[in-house]
Protein backbone atom coordinates (compact mmCIF):
# COMPACT_ATOMS: atom_id res chain seq x y z
CA MET A 1 31.98 117.99 154.06
CA SER A 2 30.39 114.59 154.70
CA MET A 3 27.43 114.38 157.11
CA GLU A 4 26.06 111.37 158.99
CA HIS A 5 23.28 111.11 161.56
CA PHE A 6 23.17 108.99 164.71
CA ASP A 7 20.79 109.02 167.65
CA VAL A 8 23.75 109.46 170.00
CA VAL A 9 27.27 110.73 169.39
CA VAL A 10 29.74 109.72 172.10
CA VAL A 11 33.00 111.67 172.23
CA GLY A 12 35.96 109.69 173.58
CA ALA A 13 36.84 105.99 173.58
CA GLY A 14 38.35 105.68 177.04
CA ILE A 15 36.79 103.95 180.05
CA SER A 16 33.74 106.24 179.96
CA GLY A 17 33.15 106.02 176.21
CA ILE A 18 33.38 102.23 176.08
CA GLY A 19 31.01 102.07 179.06
CA ALA A 20 28.62 104.41 177.24
CA GLY A 21 28.62 102.08 174.24
CA TYR A 22 27.69 99.10 176.41
CA HIS A 23 24.82 100.91 178.17
CA LEU A 24 23.40 102.27 174.91
CA GLN A 25 23.44 98.80 173.36
CA THR A 26 21.76 97.13 176.34
CA GLN A 27 19.33 99.82 177.55
CA CYS A 28 18.58 101.64 174.28
CA PRO A 29 19.08 98.90 171.69
CA ASP A 30 16.91 100.70 169.10
CA ARG A 31 19.16 103.78 169.14
CA SER A 32 22.14 104.18 166.79
CA TYR A 33 25.41 105.53 168.13
CA VAL A 34 28.97 106.33 167.11
CA ILE A 35 32.06 106.94 169.26
CA LEU A 36 34.40 109.66 168.00
CA GLU A 37 37.96 109.24 169.27
CA GLY A 38 40.58 111.89 168.55
CA ARG A 39 43.52 109.54 168.92
CA ALA A 40 44.44 106.46 166.88
CA ALA A 41 43.66 103.97 169.65
CA LEU A 42 41.07 103.39 172.37
CA GLY A 43 41.80 103.41 176.09
CA GLY A 44 42.21 107.10 176.83
CA THR A 45 44.46 107.57 179.85
CA TRP A 46 45.58 103.96 179.79
CA ASP A 47 46.83 104.20 176.23
CA LEU A 48 48.32 107.69 176.56
CA PHE A 49 50.51 107.23 179.63
CA ARG A 50 53.56 105.02 179.12
CA TYR A 51 55.84 105.99 182.00
CA PRO A 52 57.52 103.30 184.15
CA GLY A 53 55.22 101.61 186.63
CA ILE A 54 52.03 103.23 185.30
CA ARG A 55 49.10 101.83 187.28
CA SER A 56 45.79 102.73 188.84
CA ASP A 57 45.45 104.17 192.32
CA SER A 58 41.95 102.67 192.51
CA ASP A 59 41.29 98.97 192.95
CA MET A 60 40.03 97.19 189.83
CA PHE A 61 36.88 95.98 191.56
CA THR A 62 35.66 99.59 191.51
CA LEU A 63 37.63 100.89 188.52
CA GLY A 64 36.29 97.97 186.49
CA TYR A 65 32.84 98.06 184.91
CA ALA A 66 29.86 96.81 186.90
CA PHE A 67 28.93 94.55 183.96
CA LYS A 68 32.36 92.96 183.33
CA PRO A 69 34.16 91.29 186.23
CA TRP A 70 37.85 91.89 186.75
CA THR A 71 39.42 88.42 186.86
CA GLU A 72 43.15 89.07 187.23
CA ALA A 73 44.94 88.32 190.50
CA LYS A 74 46.15 91.88 191.12
CA ALA A 75 43.54 94.32 192.44
CA ILE A 76 45.94 97.26 191.99
CA ALA A 77 46.63 96.78 188.30
CA ASP A 78 49.29 98.13 185.97
CA GLY A 79 48.45 100.31 182.97
CA PRO A 80 48.88 97.65 180.25
CA SER A 81 46.53 95.29 182.14
CA ILE A 82 43.90 98.00 182.45
CA LEU A 83 44.23 98.88 178.77
CA LYS A 84 43.78 95.20 177.86
CA TYR A 85 40.66 95.03 180.07
CA VAL A 86 39.12 98.07 178.34
CA SER A 87 40.11 96.77 174.88
CA ASP A 88 38.70 93.32 175.64
CA THR A 89 35.43 94.90 176.79
CA ALA A 90 35.15 96.89 173.57
CA ARG A 91 35.85 93.79 171.47
CA ASP A 92 33.70 91.34 173.45
CA TYR A 93 30.59 93.53 173.20
CA GLY A 94 31.20 94.75 169.66
CA ILE A 95 31.64 98.33 170.83
CA ASP A 96 34.89 98.68 168.89
CA ARG A 97 32.94 98.50 165.62
CA HIS A 98 31.26 101.80 166.51
CA ILE A 99 34.51 103.75 167.02
CA ARG A 100 35.81 106.29 164.50
CA PHE A 101 39.48 106.86 165.28
CA GLY A 102 41.33 110.04 164.41
CA HIS A 103 38.18 112.17 164.78
CA HIS A 104 38.98 115.23 166.92
CA VAL A 105 35.77 117.10 167.75
CA LYS A 106 36.06 120.89 167.42
CA ARG A 107 32.53 122.32 167.57
CA ALA A 108 28.98 121.30 168.48
CA ALA A 109 25.87 123.37 167.72
CA TRP A 110 22.36 122.65 169.00
CA SER A 111 19.26 123.53 166.97
CA THR A 112 15.96 123.57 168.85
CA ALA A 113 13.99 123.65 165.59
CA GLU A 114 15.62 120.42 164.43
CA ALA A 115 16.13 119.00 167.96
CA ARG A 116 19.62 117.91 167.11
CA TRP A 117 23.28 118.66 167.50
CA THR A 118 25.61 119.24 164.60
CA VAL A 119 29.06 118.01 165.60
CA GLU A 120 32.08 119.08 163.57
CA ALA A 121 35.34 117.18 163.78
CA GLU A 122 38.70 116.99 162.11
CA GLY A 123 38.94 113.50 160.66
CA PRO A 124 41.86 111.58 159.17
CA ASP A 125 40.98 112.90 155.70
CA GLY A 126 39.83 116.38 156.66
CA PRO A 127 36.74 118.03 158.20
CA VAL A 128 33.67 115.86 158.81
CA ALA A 129 30.31 116.46 160.48
CA PHE A 130 27.71 114.42 162.31
CA THR A 131 24.22 115.18 163.53
CA CYS A 132 22.71 113.54 166.60
CA ASN A 133 19.77 113.81 168.94
CA PHE A 134 21.95 113.47 172.05
CA LEU A 135 25.60 114.34 172.63
CA PHE A 136 27.52 112.40 175.29
CA MET A 137 30.95 113.81 176.14
CA CYS A 138 33.24 111.08 177.49
CA SER A 139 36.52 112.84 176.75
CA GLY A 140 38.00 112.92 180.24
CA TYR A 141 39.05 115.94 182.24
CA TYR A 142 42.59 116.83 181.24
CA ASN A 143 44.51 118.04 178.21
CA TYR A 144 46.10 115.13 176.36
CA ALA A 145 48.32 117.48 174.36
CA ARG A 146 49.85 119.35 177.29
CA GLY A 147 50.65 118.65 180.94
CA HIS A 148 51.30 121.13 183.72
CA ALA A 149 54.97 122.02 183.32
CA PRO A 150 56.33 124.87 185.48
CA GLU A 151 59.48 126.61 184.37
CA TRP A 152 62.44 127.21 186.68
CA PRO A 153 65.48 129.43 186.17
CA GLY A 154 68.40 127.73 184.48
CA MET A 155 66.51 124.85 182.89
CA GLU A 156 68.18 125.65 179.58
CA ASP A 157 71.60 125.19 181.24
CA PHE A 158 70.88 121.67 182.50
CA GLY A 159 73.21 119.17 180.83
CA GLY A 160 70.90 116.18 181.22
CA ARG A 161 67.40 115.44 179.99
CA ILE A 162 64.08 116.82 181.30
CA VAL A 163 60.98 114.67 180.73
CA HIS A 164 57.30 115.08 181.56
CA PRO A 165 55.61 111.72 182.38
CA GLN A 166 52.69 112.47 180.07
CA PHE A 167 55.08 112.33 177.11
CA TRP A 168 57.46 109.56 178.10
CA PRO A 169 60.03 108.89 175.33
CA ALA A 170 60.16 105.28 174.18
CA ASP A 171 63.96 105.47 173.87
CA LEU A 172 64.65 106.85 177.35
CA ASP A 173 67.38 104.83 179.10
CA TYR A 174 67.81 105.71 182.78
CA ALA A 175 69.78 102.63 183.84
CA ALA A 176 72.60 103.58 186.23
CA LYS A 177 71.53 107.23 186.00
CA THR A 178 70.95 109.66 188.85
CA VAL A 179 67.31 110.70 188.64
CA VAL A 180 65.30 113.48 190.29
CA VAL A 181 61.51 113.18 190.15
CA ILE A 182 59.84 116.52 190.91
CA GLY A 183 56.45 116.04 192.56
CA SER A 184 54.69 114.15 195.32
CA GLY A 185 51.43 113.02 193.75
CA ALA A 186 50.24 109.72 192.33
CA THR A 187 52.57 109.86 189.33
CA ALA A 188 55.67 110.61 191.40
CA VAL A 189 55.06 107.85 193.95
CA THR A 190 54.58 105.43 191.06
CA LEU A 191 57.69 106.50 189.16
CA VAL A 192 60.13 106.44 192.07
CA PRO A 193 59.98 102.70 192.93
CA ALA A 194 59.71 101.70 189.28
CA MET A 195 62.76 103.71 188.21
CA ALA A 196 64.74 102.74 191.31
CA GLU A 197 64.91 99.17 190.01
CA SER A 198 67.60 100.14 187.47
CA ALA A 199 68.61 103.76 188.18
CA ALA A 200 71.69 104.53 190.24
CA HIS A 201 69.54 106.55 192.62
CA VAL A 202 66.14 108.27 192.49
CA THR A 203 65.25 111.35 194.53
CA MET A 204 61.67 112.45 194.94
CA LEU A 205 61.85 116.23 195.29
CA GLN A 206 58.65 117.61 196.75
CA ARG A 207 57.57 121.09 197.73
CA SER A 208 55.23 119.63 200.35
CA PRO A 209 54.23 116.08 201.41
CA THR A 210 51.20 114.06 200.35
CA TYR A 211 49.36 111.37 202.29
CA VAL A 212 50.69 108.01 201.13
CA VAL A 213 48.90 104.77 201.98
CA SER A 214 50.03 101.21 201.27
CA ARG A 215 47.67 98.43 200.24
CA PRO A 216 48.36 94.88 199.04
CA ALA A 217 48.52 94.64 195.25
CA GLU A 218 46.48 91.44 195.45
CA ASP A 219 43.18 91.19 197.32
CA ALA A 220 43.33 87.87 199.14
CA THR A 221 39.62 87.87 200.00
CA ALA A 222 38.64 88.59 196.41
CA ASN A 223 40.88 85.85 195.06
CA TRP A 224 39.45 83.38 197.59
CA LEU A 225 35.85 84.32 196.73
CA ARG A 226 36.55 83.84 193.04
CA SER A 227 37.68 80.29 193.74
CA LYS A 228 34.39 79.53 195.52
CA LEU A 229 31.73 81.57 193.71
CA PRO A 230 30.75 82.46 190.14
CA ALA A 231 32.97 85.27 188.84
CA LYS A 232 30.20 87.86 188.57
CA LEU A 233 28.87 87.22 192.08
CA ALA A 234 32.35 87.33 193.64
CA TYR A 235 33.15 90.51 191.74
CA SER A 236 29.92 92.19 192.86
CA LEU A 237 30.48 91.29 196.52
CA VAL A 238 34.04 92.63 196.54
CA ARG A 239 32.98 95.73 194.62
CA TRP A 240 30.37 96.59 197.22
CA ARG A 241 32.71 95.81 200.09
CA ASN A 242 35.30 98.20 198.64
CA VAL A 243 32.70 100.90 197.95
CA LEU A 244 31.36 100.77 201.49
CA PHE A 245 34.84 100.75 203.03
CA GLN A 246 35.89 103.75 200.96
CA MET A 247 32.73 105.66 201.92
CA PHE A 248 33.28 104.83 205.59
CA PHE A 249 36.91 105.94 205.49
CA PHE A 250 36.12 109.15 203.60
CA ASN A 251 33.33 110.12 206.02
CA LEU A 252 35.53 109.29 208.99
CA ALA A 253 38.30 111.47 207.58
CA ARG A 254 35.90 114.39 207.16
CA LYS A 255 34.37 114.00 210.63
CA ARG A 256 37.61 113.31 212.51
CA PRO A 257 40.42 114.74 210.38
CA GLU A 258 43.03 114.98 213.14
CA LYS A 259 42.50 111.40 214.27
CA THR A 260 42.60 110.16 210.68
CA LYS A 261 45.75 112.15 209.98
CA GLU A 262 47.39 110.72 213.07
CA ARG A 263 46.57 107.17 211.98
CA LEU A 264 47.85 107.70 208.42
CA ILE A 265 51.13 109.12 209.70
CA GLU A 266 51.48 106.22 212.15
CA MET A 267 51.15 103.79 209.25
CA VAL A 268 53.97 105.53 207.36
CA ARG A 269 56.16 105.54 210.48
CA GLY A 270 55.49 101.82 210.83
CA GLU A 271 56.82 101.31 207.30
CA LEU A 272 59.90 103.55 207.52
CA GLY A 273 60.87 103.19 211.17
CA ALA A 274 61.15 105.53 214.13
CA ASP A 275 64.40 107.10 212.90
CA TYR A 276 62.99 108.37 209.60
CA ASP A 277 61.93 112.04 209.45
CA VAL A 278 58.25 111.37 208.77
CA ALA A 279 57.30 114.80 210.15
CA THR A 280 59.17 116.54 207.33
CA HIS A 281 58.63 114.20 204.40
CA PHE A 282 55.28 112.46 204.97
CA THR A 283 53.18 114.83 207.09
CA PRO A 284 51.02 117.04 204.85
CA ARG A 285 49.86 120.53 205.81
CA TYR A 286 46.25 119.75 204.83
CA ASN A 287 43.65 117.32 206.14
CA PRO A 288 43.09 113.87 204.63
CA TRP A 289 40.93 113.95 201.47
CA ASP A 290 41.33 117.68 200.98
CA GLN A 291 43.44 116.18 198.22
CA ARG A 292 43.40 112.63 196.89
CA LEU A 293 45.41 110.08 198.87
CA CYS A 294 48.31 108.38 197.09
CA LEU A 295 48.16 104.61 197.01
CA VAL A 296 51.32 102.50 196.83
CA PRO A 297 50.92 98.73 196.30
CA ASP A 298 52.80 96.41 198.65
CA ALA A 299 54.59 99.42 200.20
CA ASP A 300 56.90 99.61 197.16
CA LEU A 301 57.77 103.28 197.68
CA PHE A 302 58.70 102.70 201.31
CA ALA A 303 60.74 99.63 200.38
CA VAL A 304 63.03 101.52 197.96
CA ILE A 305 63.48 104.33 200.48
CA LYS A 306 64.53 101.86 203.18
CA SER A 307 66.89 100.11 200.79
CA GLY A 308 68.67 103.37 199.97
CA LYS A 309 67.79 103.16 196.26
CA ALA A 310 65.55 106.20 196.61
CA SER A 311 65.20 109.19 198.91
CA VAL A 312 62.79 112.03 199.56
CA VAL A 313 63.82 115.69 199.74
CA THR A 314 61.30 118.32 200.86
CA ASP A 315 62.41 121.71 199.58
CA THR A 316 61.80 124.19 196.77
CA ILE A 317 63.81 124.77 193.62
CA ALA A 318 66.04 127.85 193.37
CA HIS A 319 67.41 127.09 189.91
CA PHE A 320 68.78 124.38 187.65
CA THR A 321 72.50 124.02 187.04
CA ARG A 322 74.46 122.11 184.43
CA ASP A 323 74.73 119.12 186.77
CA GLY A 324 71.43 119.19 188.62
CA ILE A 325 69.25 121.39 190.83
CA THR A 326 70.09 123.99 193.48
CA LEU A 327 67.47 124.19 196.23
CA GLN A 328 66.32 127.21 198.22
CA SER A 329 68.05 125.71 201.26
CA GLY A 330 71.36 125.87 199.36
CA ALA A 331 71.57 122.11 198.95
CA GLU A 332 72.56 120.65 195.57
CA LEU A 333 70.81 117.70 193.95
CA PRO A 334 72.94 116.06 191.22
CA ALA A 335 70.95 114.67 188.29
CA ASP A 336 71.45 113.05 184.91
CA LEU A 337 67.69 113.01 184.33
CA VAL A 338 64.88 115.17 185.75
CA VAL A 339 61.27 113.98 185.56
CA THR A 340 58.69 116.73 186.08
CA ALA A 341 55.78 114.83 187.64
CA THR A 342 54.13 118.18 188.22
CA GLY A 343 50.59 117.31 187.28
CA LEU A 344 47.89 117.60 184.68
CA GLU A 345 46.31 120.52 182.91
CA LEU A 346 42.56 120.20 183.39
CA GLN A 347 40.41 120.73 180.34
CA LEU A 348 36.63 120.89 180.24
CA LEU A 349 35.06 118.74 177.51
CA SER A 350 38.20 118.88 175.34
CA ASP A 351 37.69 122.64 174.82
CA VAL A 352 34.96 121.95 172.27
CA ALA A 353 33.14 125.15 171.23
CA PHE A 354 29.43 124.73 172.05
CA SER A 355 26.49 126.83 170.92
CA VAL A 356 22.73 126.68 171.41
CA ASP A 357 20.53 128.15 168.68
CA GLY A 358 23.42 130.22 167.41
CA ALA A 359 24.49 131.62 170.78
CA PRO A 360 27.91 130.54 172.14
CA VAL A 361 27.75 128.67 175.44
CA ASP A 362 30.15 129.50 178.27
CA LEU A 363 29.96 126.38 180.42
CA SER A 364 31.73 128.15 183.30
CA LYS A 365 28.57 130.27 183.69
CA THR A 366 26.30 127.24 184.00
CA PHE A 367 25.25 125.09 186.93
CA ASN A 368 26.14 121.42 186.81
CA TYR A 369 23.10 119.15 186.93
CA LYS A 370 23.43 115.84 188.81
CA GLY A 371 27.16 115.88 188.14
CA MET A 372 26.61 115.26 184.41
CA MET A 373 24.61 117.96 182.56
CA PHE A 374 24.60 121.76 182.30
CA SER A 375 21.86 124.28 182.96
CA ASP A 376 20.11 125.53 179.80
CA VAL A 377 22.12 123.16 177.55
CA PRO A 378 19.76 120.59 175.96
CA ASN A 379 20.45 116.92 175.27
CA MET A 380 24.06 116.86 176.36
CA ALA A 381 25.77 115.02 179.20
CA THR A 382 29.32 114.42 180.31
CA SER A 383 30.95 111.60 182.24
CA PHE A 384 32.98 112.84 185.21
CA GLY A 385 34.13 110.44 187.93
CA TYR A 386 34.66 110.79 191.66
CA THR A 387 37.57 112.55 193.32
CA ASN A 388 37.36 110.34 196.40
CA ALA A 389 36.72 107.00 194.68
CA SER A 390 37.17 105.35 191.32
CA TRP A 391 36.20 107.10 188.10
CA THR A 392 34.14 104.20 186.77
CA LEU A 393 31.70 104.07 189.66
CA LYS A 394 30.25 107.44 188.61
CA ALA A 395 30.72 106.76 184.88
CA ASP A 396 28.53 103.64 185.13
CA LEU A 397 25.77 105.60 186.91
CA THR A 398 26.00 108.47 184.41
CA CYS A 399 25.74 106.15 181.39
CA ALA A 400 22.67 104.43 182.86
CA TYR A 401 21.04 107.78 183.61
CA VAL A 402 21.61 109.04 180.06
CA CYS A 403 19.78 105.94 178.85
CA ARG A 404 16.92 106.71 181.28
CA LEU A 405 16.63 110.18 179.76
CA LEU A 406 16.66 108.85 176.21
CA ASN A 407 13.97 106.30 177.00
CA THR A 408 11.87 108.87 178.88
CA MET A 409 11.94 111.26 175.91
CA LYS A 410 10.94 108.47 173.54
CA LYS A 411 8.10 107.29 175.78
CA ARG A 412 6.72 110.83 176.12
CA GLY A 413 7.20 111.70 172.47
CA LEU A 414 9.46 114.64 173.36
CA ARG A 415 12.82 115.33 171.76
CA GLN A 416 14.48 117.68 174.23
CA ALA A 417 15.63 117.47 177.86
CA THR A 418 17.03 120.71 179.30
CA PRO A 419 18.15 121.23 182.91
CA ARG A 420 16.61 124.46 184.21
CA VAL A 421 17.37 126.36 187.41
CA GLY A 422 13.98 127.27 188.84
CA ASP A 423 15.11 128.23 192.34
CA ALA A 424 16.17 131.85 192.75
CA ALA A 425 17.75 130.98 196.10
CA LEU A 426 20.26 128.58 194.53
CA THR A 427 23.79 129.74 195.33
CA PRO A 428 26.94 128.73 193.43
CA ALA A 429 29.97 126.84 194.71
CA PRO A 430 33.07 125.43 192.98
CA PHE A 431 32.41 122.29 190.94
CA LEU A 432 35.00 120.37 192.99
CA ASP A 433 35.77 120.85 196.68
CA PHE A 434 39.41 119.85 196.37
CA SER A 435 42.63 121.70 197.13
CA SER A 436 44.96 119.90 194.72
CA GLY A 437 46.91 122.30 192.52
CA TYR A 438 45.71 120.84 189.24
CA VAL A 439 42.12 121.38 190.41
CA THR A 440 42.45 124.90 191.82
CA ARG A 441 44.31 126.06 188.70
CA ALA A 442 41.35 125.18 186.47
CA MET A 443 38.14 125.61 188.48
CA GLU A 444 37.30 128.96 186.92
CA LYS A 445 36.78 127.15 183.59
CA PHE A 446 34.34 124.61 185.06
CA PRO A 447 30.61 124.94 185.75
CA LYS A 448 29.42 125.69 189.26
CA GLN A 449 27.61 123.31 191.53
CA GLY A 450 24.60 124.59 193.41
CA SER A 451 23.66 124.66 197.06
CA LYS A 452 20.73 122.26 196.61
CA THR A 453 19.86 119.00 194.88
CA PRO A 454 19.88 118.30 191.90
CA TRP A 455 22.63 120.87 191.42
CA ARG A 456 24.91 119.53 194.14
CA VAL A 457 27.85 117.33 193.13
CA HIS A 458 27.80 114.52 195.67
CA GLN A 459 31.05 112.57 196.04
CA ASN A 460 29.01 109.65 197.36
CA TYR A 461 28.32 106.52 195.33
CA ALA A 462 25.44 105.20 197.44
CA ARG A 463 23.65 108.54 197.38
CA ASP A 464 24.17 108.90 193.63
CA LEU A 465 23.02 105.32 193.05
CA LEU A 466 19.68 106.04 194.71
CA ALA A 467 19.26 109.43 193.00
CA LEU A 468 20.31 108.42 189.48
CA ARG A 469 18.86 104.94 189.30
CA TYR A 470 15.62 105.51 191.21
CA GLY A 471 15.17 109.29 191.58
CA SER A 472 12.81 111.38 189.47
CA VAL A 473 13.99 112.35 185.99
CA ASP A 474 11.71 115.41 186.17
CA ASP A 475 13.52 117.07 189.07
CA GLY A 476 15.02 120.27 187.60
CA MET A 477 14.51 118.95 184.05
CA GLU A 478 12.35 120.49 181.34
CA PHE A 479 11.13 118.03 178.70
CA SER A 480 9.94 119.73 175.52
CA ASN A 481 10.01 119.78 171.71
CA PRO A 482 7.34 117.27 170.57
CA ALA A 483 8.53 114.67 168.11
CA ILE A 484 7.57 114.95 164.45
CA PRO A 485 7.26 111.37 163.19
CA GLU A 486 8.39 112.16 159.64
CA ALA A 487 11.43 114.09 160.84
CA ALA A 488 12.26 111.47 163.43
CA GLN A 489 12.50 108.83 160.71
CA ALA A 490 14.56 110.89 158.26
CA THR A 491 18.28 110.57 157.55
CA GLN A 492 18.80 107.74 159.98
CA HIS A 493 21.99 105.76 159.46
CA THR A 494 23.37 102.89 161.47
CA ILE A 495 26.69 101.12 161.77
CA ASP A 496 26.85 97.52 160.55
CA ALA A 497 26.50 95.30 163.56
């Protein structure tokens, strides 16, 4: 088995991994790094998902990187445009030259004596291994190989085709077909208007409603600012405006949930008209931001409902038939094609098997440190975005903080940084305070957050910005393992620039 050494091994070449490459190059330019990507292409989510209408439900001024302005007209961008943006970033900064494609990481073992991780992966030509001083997991939060796919009675009798959006067939033709999309989340509200353009009719079948909010696909203020100011300055101003607005709206929703709910429902009623049954189809049973809000650009979902090209049915499935679906109410939904937009299967750090000094690590028994590291696990971080804002906002902060840790260890001549719980009064809580099904199904596999800083997971960009950029790196962190100059210089390999 071949073995190479790098100062940092990054796992995953999606938005987080490409961002990690940039920060390492700019803030730790003397450190070598490699990005291990299990798939054959970069982009992560934005390369994997190919279903009709695929787009972000975050604006690109916050989903984009802080260091690379988004310059396209649409603020709510489609998947191919986002993938191009990530690919262009990797190429423009030379990050793509550090990526090893087809490297699926299986195991990672930490040795205190050597102050390094040994990372084992399945490569294109068989097993390979890498050693590194720091391991940065940027592999996302869900299983790329499997989505959440419930089974209903009679599915085997259905005469049409059943498709999960995560594995959209390239040859799927739904023109003039009757389509049922099962689900009410971000994927469903994206699919329905996109498929309605050519399908005979699309029905969104939901067990319960979700909050749906319309925003313009283009940001007129941002486009105007770009015409007057340098691109980076305009981008920064709009980014901060959007961050502050999102924080204000989220805090308002938490403080005055009933008033916020009333306003959101009024907005839907304004789109669909007084005669539409908004109470049944667009009035959720939970408070705003107990689950993520669904964003629809330019009211496209509401437009296809009003036109009659699409409809919403709120009911539960009794069983499939040859020609469609029978509901618990007794109603029949005819279908040529059923799309199960039923969600993701969350996966913690790609199910890599971790060990520390020969002892297996159960990450579900750890406390999460500053939303990125794990108690008693040395020199390892993960990038995990916000549930109430864009992923990249937190990814950028995490990447910068990892570089702070690396530079602190080098300055102090210490090779190990280990989060330690020193407060016996610290009490555990779920890692995410979110009621979405895909979250609640998986929380037992995730670490716990604690009742106090730095073990709390704050869904607040401004607070995290202050804590991660300017806060103490010593809070809850044990630095140890003095460097041995001879060992530190041994077996160092770099990638050609």
